[in-house]
Protein backbone atom coordinates (compact mmCIF):
# COMPACT_ATOMS: atom_id res chain seq x y z
CA MET A 1 225.26 -13.64 40.37
CA LYS A 2 227.44 -16.06 38.58
CA LEU A 3 229.70 -14.92 35.81
CA LEU A 4 232.12 -16.82 33.44
CA LEU A 5 234.28 -14.23 31.61
CA ILE A 6 235.98 -15.34 28.42
CA HIS A 7 238.57 -12.88 26.62
CA SER A 8 237.58 -13.85 23.03
CA ASP A 9 238.94 -13.50 19.59
CA TYR A 10 235.17 -13.51 18.53
CA ILE A 11 231.94 -14.99 19.53
CA GLU A 12 229.30 -15.87 16.93
CA PHE A 13 225.81 -16.52 18.29
CA GLU A 14 222.25 -17.41 16.46
CA PRO A 15 219.03 -17.54 18.21
CA LYS A 16 217.33 -20.83 17.00
CA GLU A 17 214.19 -21.39 19.10
CA LYS A 18 212.01 -19.50 21.52
CA THR A 19 211.25 -20.89 25.09
CA LYS A 20 207.95 -19.82 26.81
CA MET A 21 210.08 -17.24 28.75
CA ALA A 22 211.86 -15.58 25.73
CA GLU A 23 212.07 -12.00 25.34
CA ASP A 24 211.40 -10.32 22.01
CA TYR A 25 214.21 -10.63 19.46
CA GLU A 26 214.15 -9.97 15.84
CA GLY A 27 218.00 -9.98 15.01
CA GLY A 28 219.56 -12.82 13.48
CA LYS A 29 223.14 -14.22 13.63
CA GLN A 30 225.72 -12.09 15.14
CA ARG A 31 229.60 -11.89 15.27
CA ILE A 32 231.54 -9.73 17.74
CA GLU A 33 235.19 -9.74 17.58
CA GLU A 34 237.86 -8.80 20.22
CA CYS A 35 235.56 -8.82 23.18
CA LEU A 36 235.04 -9.96 26.74
CA VAL A 37 232.04 -12.43 26.69
CA VAL A 38 230.37 -12.52 30.08
CA PHE A 39 228.17 -15.67 30.45
CA THR A 40 225.85 -14.53 33.24
CA SER A 41 223.46 -16.33 35.47
CA VAL A 42 221.08 -14.03 37.31
CA GLU A 43 220.15 -15.33 40.82
CA ARG A 44 217.45 -14.48 43.24
CA GLY A 45 217.93 -11.07 44.83
CA ASP A 46 220.53 -9.85 42.19
CA GLU A 47 218.83 -6.46 41.70
CA VAL A 48 221.08 -5.26 44.67
CA VAL A 49 224.30 -6.34 42.99
CA VAL A 50 224.18 -4.79 39.69
CA ASP A 51 226.76 -1.94 40.53
CA LYS A 52 229.13 -4.42 41.95
CA VAL A 53 228.97 -6.53 38.91
CA VAL A 54 229.57 -3.69 36.66
CA GLU A 55 232.65 -2.97 38.89
CA GLU A 56 234.15 -6.66 38.33
CA ILE A 57 233.54 -6.46 34.56
CA ARG A 58 235.17 -3.21 34.48
CA ASP A 59 238.09 -4.55 36.39
CA VAL A 60 238.50 -7.21 33.98
CA THR A 61 238.11 -5.21 31.00
CA ASN A 62 240.91 -3.03 32.16
CA LYS A 63 243.29 -5.87 32.63
CA VAL A 64 242.53 -7.54 29.26
CA LYS A 65 242.38 -4.21 27.58
CA VAL A 66 239.11 -4.49 25.55
CA ASN A 67 236.23 -2.03 24.99
CA ARG A 68 233.61 -4.50 23.83
CA VAL A 69 231.27 -6.43 26.37
CA VAL A 70 228.92 -9.28 25.22
CA LEU A 71 226.42 -10.10 28.01
CA TYR A 72 225.29 -13.83 27.31
CA PRO A 73 222.50 -14.94 29.50
CA TYR A 74 223.72 -18.53 30.63
CA ALA A 75 221.33 -20.41 33.13
CA HIS A 76 223.58 -23.27 33.53
CA LEU A 77 226.02 -21.63 36.14
CA SER A 78 223.44 -21.76 38.97
CA SER A 79 220.87 -23.74 40.48
CA ASP A 80 219.18 -20.54 42.32
CA LEU A 81 217.89 -18.46 39.39
CA ALA A 82 215.91 -15.58 39.39
CA ASP A 83 212.53 -15.71 37.92
CA PRO A 84 212.60 -14.54 34.13
CA ASP A 85 211.16 -11.14 34.44
CA THR A 86 213.70 -10.42 37.09
CA ALA A 87 216.54 -12.04 35.23
CA ILE A 88 215.68 -9.80 32.16
CA LYS A 89 215.19 -6.60 34.06
CA VAL A 90 218.85 -7.18 35.63
CA LEU A 91 220.43 -7.95 32.20
CA LYS A 92 218.99 -4.66 30.93
CA GLN A 93 220.29 -2.80 33.93
CA LEU A 94 223.78 -4.20 33.40
CA GLU A 95 223.48 -3.32 29.69
CA GLU A 96 222.56 0.05 30.37
CA LYS A 97 225.19 0.89 32.82
CA LEU A 98 228.00 -0.81 30.79
CA ASN A 99 226.93 1.14 27.70
CA ARG A 100 227.99 4.33 29.42
CA GLU A 101 231.76 2.98 29.21
CA PHE A 102 231.82 0.25 26.58
CA GLU A 103 230.43 -1.19 23.45
CA VAL A 104 227.96 -3.43 24.75
CA TYR A 105 226.01 -6.35 22.99
CA ARG A 106 223.44 -8.70 24.62
CA ALA A 107 222.44 -12.00 23.39
CA PRO A 108 218.71 -12.54 23.83
CA PHE A 109 217.06 -13.96 27.06
CA GLY A 110 215.01 -17.33 26.79
CA TRP A 111 216.30 -18.52 23.25
CA TYR A 112 218.24 -21.61 22.42
CA LYS A 113 221.28 -20.38 20.66
CA ALA A 114 223.89 -21.84 18.70
CA PHE A 115 227.23 -20.37 19.32
CA LYS A 116 230.89 -20.41 18.54
CA ILE A 117 233.56 -18.79 20.59
CA SER A 118 237.38 -18.43 20.29
CA CYS A 119 239.10 -17.94 23.77
CA LYS A 120 242.50 -16.29 23.44
CA GLY A 121 244.12 -18.60 25.96
CA HIS A 122 246.44 -16.43 28.22
CA PRO A 123 246.25 -16.49 31.95
CA LEU A 124 243.44 -13.98 32.21
CA SER A 125 241.32 -15.20 29.40
CA GLU A 126 239.19 -17.44 31.50
CA LEU A 127 237.93 -16.02 34.86
CA SER A 128 234.73 -16.65 37.04
CA ARG A 129 233.24 -14.45 39.51
CA GLU A 130 230.46 -14.93 42.05
CA ILE A 131 228.74 -12.00 43.52
CA ARG A 132 226.28 -12.88 46.27
CA ALA A 133 223.27 -10.74 46.89
CA LYS A 134 222.61 -12.15 50.26
CA GLU A 135 226.07 -11.08 51.36
CA GLU A 136 225.59 -7.40 49.98
CA ALA A 137 222.25 -7.31 51.70
CA ASP A 138 223.66 -8.44 55.10
CA VAL A 139 226.50 -5.76 54.84
CA THR A 140 223.96 -3.07 54.07
CA GLU A 141 221.70 -4.03 56.96
CA ALA A 142 224.44 -4.36 59.31
CA LEU A 143 225.77 -0.84 58.57
CA LYS A 144 222.08 0.44 58.89
CA ALA A 145 221.87 -1.26 62.43
CA GLU A 146 225.13 0.23 63.61
CA GLU A 147 224.08 3.74 62.66
CA LYS A 148 221.06 3.13 65.10
CA VAL A 149 223.26 1.99 67.89
CA GLU A 150 223.97 4.51 70.69
CA SER A 151 227.62 4.08 71.82
CA TYR A 152 229.56 5.02 74.60
CA TRP A 153 233.22 5.16 74.53
CA PHE A 154 235.80 4.63 77.39
CA ILE A 155 239.63 4.51 77.72
CA LEU A 156 241.00 1.67 79.96
CA THR A 157 243.89 2.93 81.65
CA PRO A 158 246.89 0.63 82.55
CA ASP A 159 245.61 0.67 86.40
CA LYS A 160 242.36 -0.72 85.13
CA LYS A 161 240.21 2.48 85.33
CA LEU A 162 237.39 3.38 82.83
CA VAL A 163 237.59 6.92 81.78
CA GLU A 164 235.06 8.48 79.41
CA VAL A 165 236.90 9.33 76.14
CA ASN A 166 236.03 12.98 76.14
CA GLU A 167 237.63 13.24 79.61
CA PHE A 168 240.80 11.28 78.89
CA ASP A 169 243.95 13.14 78.81
CA PHE A 170 245.51 12.02 75.43
CA THR A 171 248.97 13.96 76.24
CA GLY A 172 251.74 11.50 75.13
CA TYR A 173 249.17 9.18 73.52
CA GLU A 174 248.90 10.57 70.20
CA ASN A 175 248.43 7.33 68.31
CA LEU A 176 245.57 6.30 70.88
CA ARG A 177 243.95 9.59 70.09
CA LYS A 178 244.10 8.87 66.20
CA PHE A 179 242.65 5.37 66.79
CA ALA A 180 239.76 6.73 69.16
CA SER A 181 238.79 9.15 66.72
CA TYR A 182 238.77 6.71 63.96
CA GLU A 183 236.43 4.26 65.62
CA ILE A 184 234.13 6.88 66.86
CA ALA A 185 233.59 8.26 63.29
CA LYS A 186 232.48 5.04 62.07
CA ARG A 187 234.08 5.52 58.92
CA ARG A 188 233.79 2.64 56.35
CA ALA A 189 235.43 4.56 53.34
CA VAL A 190 239.15 4.19 53.46
CA ASP A 191 241.26 7.19 51.97
CA ARG A 192 244.24 6.17 53.78
CA THR A 193 245.58 3.44 56.04
CA PRO A 194 243.79 3.56 59.34
CA PRO A 195 246.11 4.20 62.31
CA HIS A 196 245.53 1.03 64.24
CA VAL A 197 246.89 -0.98 61.25
CA GLU A 198 250.21 0.32 61.70
CA LEU A 199 249.80 -0.06 65.50
CA MET A 200 248.97 -3.67 65.08
CA ARG A 201 251.92 -4.21 62.61
CA GLY A 202 254.26 -2.84 65.24
CA LEU A 203 253.30 -5.71 67.66
CA LYS A 204 254.23 -8.52 65.13
């Protein structure tokens, strides 16, 4: 998914003409003030990145200190667009999730719209983000595959002997014990700096 995020004094938009892929819309001209406008191109496979997109939007709203979000479909950001039904579905999912935290407006999908926007002009007022569905899927599949792998763990001693980790005497090697425990656990959530990071820093 590609996003263009504009911290705005206001945006005005008015649906003018339906395309053949337009969703139903009975509203007229709208004006939303003091908002984050999120111009959005939904790409193929973006169903898997909705939560990540919400995180990105939340991060920007926290930085610019706004509570109004305007989702504005904008196909011109991408050449790899999702089909219309998928795009509308993803936009509605974004709207639903963002509504739990913000005052959310969504411009209708599939309409030619006139719009005016006033960008605030500070360093964070114009930002772009790209959240790639393929990368998210690849990471997920890699972690699933890792869970199926049967691993065997050994310690290579200074005299080049391989000792099974559960038979190795870690006395005097407390940092090595921490490192081995961390790796064997296969933890991906980080609640503190992993022990091997400090070890590597000490080798600089």
